[in-house]
């Protein structure tokens, strides 16, 4: 997987004004890997424990955001009474 902007310098070689097209991007990426290998580097995966820790941290953030949304939601004045209908 690649970011479209990362191909911009290579894309300019093959089409004017950086025209984007999936099939052209596939060709540009393959050709760039063949001719300009020095511009790329191998991606190392983190340890499984570190990946899990990041996942849990994101989950904690999502739960905190959901808590804030719920806490800030308008509620009836009294928890025992239903909200009053608006008067016209």
C-alpha atoms as a PDB file:
ATOM      1  CA  UNK A   1       0.000   0.000   0.000  1.00  0.00           C
ATOM      2  CA  UNK A   2       1.269   3.477  -0.752  1.00  0.00           C
ATOM      3  CA  UNK A   3       0.262   7.051  -0.230  1.00  0.00           C
ATOM      4  CA  UNK A   4      -0.678   8.766  -3.451  1.00  0.00           C
ATOM      5  CA  UNK A   5       1.493  11.805  -2.659  1.00  0.00           C
ATOM      6  CA  UNK A   6       4.536   9.576  -2.270  1.00  0.00           C
ATOM      7  CA  UNK A   7       4.319   8.663  -5.935  1.00  0.00           C
ATOM      8  CA  UNK A   8       4.134  12.277  -7.146  1.00  0.00           C
ATOM      9  CA  UNK A   9       7.843  12.652  -7.948  1.00  0.00           C
ATOM     10  CA  UNK A  10       7.816   9.383  -9.895  1.00  0.00           C
ATOM     11  CA  UNK A  11       4.429  10.007 -11.529  1.00  0.00           C
ATOM     12  CA  UNK A  12       5.694  13.228 -13.109  1.00  0.00           C
ATOM     13  CA  UNK A  13       8.015  11.176 -15.313  1.00  0.00           C
ATOM     14  CA  UNK A  14       5.131   9.419 -17.033  1.00  0.00           C
ATOM     15  CA  UNK A  15       2.245  11.860 -17.248  1.00  0.00           C
ATOM     16  CA  UNK A  16       1.796  15.620 -17.398  1.00  0.00           C
ATOM     17  CA  UNK A  17       0.493  17.513 -14.369  1.00  0.00           C
ATOM     18  CA  UNK A  18       0.553  14.459 -12.112  1.00  0.00           C
ATOM     19  CA  UNK A  19      -2.560  12.830 -13.549  1.00  0.00           C
ATOM     20  CA  UNK A  20      -3.636  10.066 -11.152  1.00  0.00           C
ATOM     21  CA  UNK A  21      -4.954   6.714 -12.286  1.00  0.00           C
ATOM     22  CA  UNK A  22      -4.783   3.411 -10.405  1.00  0.00           C
ATOM     23  CA  UNK A  23      -3.371   1.397 -13.284  1.00  0.00           C
ATOM     24  CA  UNK A  24      -0.831   4.120 -14.079  1.00  0.00           C
ATOM     25  CA  UNK A  25       0.112   4.348 -10.387  1.00  0.00           C
ATOM     26  CA  UNK A  26       0.691   0.583 -10.338  1.00  0.00           C
ATOM     27  CA  UNK A  27       2.984   0.890 -13.352  1.00  0.00           C
ATOM     28  CA  UNK A  28       4.806   3.906 -11.901  1.00  0.00           C
ATOM     29  CA  UNK A  29       5.335   2.142  -8.575  1.00  0.00           C
ATOM     30  CA  UNK A  30       6.620  -1.042 -10.224  1.00  0.00           C
ATOM     31  CA  UNK A  31       8.924   0.857 -12.560  1.00  0.00           C
ATOM     32  CA  UNK A  32      10.192   3.074  -9.737  1.00  0.00           C
ATOM     33  CA  UNK A  33      10.996   0.027  -7.620  1.00  0.00           C
ATOM     34  CA  UNK A  34      12.925  -1.384 -10.578  1.00  0.00           C
ATOM     35  CA  UNK A  35      14.865   1.783 -11.469  1.00  0.00           C
ATOM     36  CA  UNK A  36      15.079   3.747  -8.207  1.00  0.00           C
ATOM     37  CA  UNK A  37      15.423   1.155  -5.479  1.00  0.00           C
ATOM     38  CA  UNK A  38      17.624   3.559  -3.481  1.00  0.00           C
ATOM     39  CA  UNK A  39      14.546   5.769  -2.880  1.00  0.00           C
ATOM     40  CA  UNK A  40      12.739   3.007  -0.966  1.00  0.00           C
ATOM     41  CA  UNK A  41      13.444   1.247   2.312  1.00  0.00           C
ATOM     42  CA  UNK A  42      12.156  -1.892   3.957  1.00  0.00           C
ATOM     43  CA  UNK A  43       9.443  -1.478   6.552  1.00  0.00           C
ATOM     44  CA  UNK A  44      10.031  -3.237   9.847  1.00  0.00           C
ATOM     45  CA  UNK A  45       7.034  -4.405  11.797  1.00  0.00           C
ATOM     46  CA  UNK A  46       6.936  -3.736  15.521  1.00  0.00           C
ATOM     47  CA  UNK A  47       6.741  -6.481  18.075  1.00  0.00           C
ATOM     48  CA  UNK A  48       3.231  -7.954  18.472  1.00  0.00           C
ATOM     49  CA  UNK A  49       3.083  -6.664  22.058  1.00  0.00           C
ATOM     50  CA  UNK A  50       3.757  -3.090  20.850  1.00  0.00           C
ATOM     51  CA  UNK A  51       1.083  -3.374  18.157  1.00  0.00           C
ATOM     52  CA  UNK A  52      -1.406  -4.613  20.779  1.00  0.00           C
ATOM     53  CA  UNK A  53      -0.434  -1.775  23.135  1.00  0.00           C
ATOM     54  CA  UNK A  54      -1.131   0.814  20.412  1.00  0.00           C
ATOM     55  CA  UNK A  55      -4.461  -0.842  19.672  1.00  0.00           C
ATOM     56  CA  UNK A  56      -5.424  -0.701  23.357  1.00  0.00           C
ATOM     57  CA  UNK A  57      -4.346   2.943  23.627  1.00  0.00           C
ATOM     58  CA  UNK A  58      -6.547   3.849  20.621  1.00  0.00           C
ATOM     59  CA  UNK A  59      -9.433   1.918  22.155  1.00  0.00           C
ATOM     60  CA  UNK A  60      -8.984   3.800  25.423  1.00  0.00           C
ATOM     61  CA  UNK A  61      -9.117   7.110  23.515  1.00  0.00           C
ATOM     62  CA  UNK A  62     -12.290   6.041  21.711  1.00  0.00           C
ATOM     63  CA  UNK A  63     -13.941   5.009  24.984  1.00  0.00           C
ATOM     64  CA  UNK A  64     -12.999   8.362  26.554  1.00  0.00           C
ATOM     65  CA  UNK A  65     -14.480  10.253  23.589  1.00  0.00           C
ATOM     66  CA  UNK A  66     -17.669   8.204  23.774  1.00  0.00           C
ATOM     67  CA  UNK A  67     -17.885   8.861  27.528  1.00  0.00           C
ATOM     68  CA  UNK A  68     -17.562  12.616  26.924  1.00  0.00           C
ATOM     69  CA  UNK A  69     -20.217  12.531  24.186  1.00  0.00           C
ATOM     70  CA  UNK A  70     -22.587  10.650  26.484  1.00  0.00           C
ATOM     71  CA  UNK A  71     -21.840  12.876  29.491  1.00  0.00           C
ATOM     72  CA  UNK A  72     -22.488  16.025  27.443  1.00  0.00           C
ATOM     73  CA  UNK A  73     -25.748  14.779  25.944  1.00  0.00           C
ATOM     74  CA  UNK A  74     -28.757  16.813  27.118  1.00  0.00           C
ATOM     75  CA  UNK A  75     -30.790  15.039  29.800  1.00  0.00           C
ATOM     76  CA  UNK A  76     -34.182  15.689  31.387  1.00  0.00           C
ATOM     77  CA  UNK A  77     -34.138  18.039  34.386  1.00  0.00           C
ATOM     78  CA  UNK A  78     -35.144  15.207  36.697  1.00  0.00           C
ATOM     79  CA  UNK A  79     -34.157  11.603  36.021  1.00  0.00           C
ATOM     80  CA  UNK A  80     -37.582  10.519  37.329  1.00  0.00           C
ATOM     81  CA  UNK A  81     -39.616  12.707  34.979  1.00  0.00           C
ATOM     82  CA  UNK A  82     -39.679  12.454  31.190  1.00  0.00           C
ATOM     83  CA  UNK A  83     -38.474  15.448  29.242  1.00  0.00           C
ATOM     84  CA  UNK A  84     -41.179  18.047  28.758  1.00  0.00           C
ATOM     85  CA  UNK A  85     -42.632  18.357  25.283  1.00  0.00           C
ATOM     86  CA  UNK A  86     -41.903  21.687  23.642  1.00  0.00           C
ATOM     87  CA  UNK A  87     -44.805  24.172  23.837  1.00  0.00           C
ATOM     88  CA  UNK A  88     -46.063  25.793  20.693  1.00  0.00           C
END
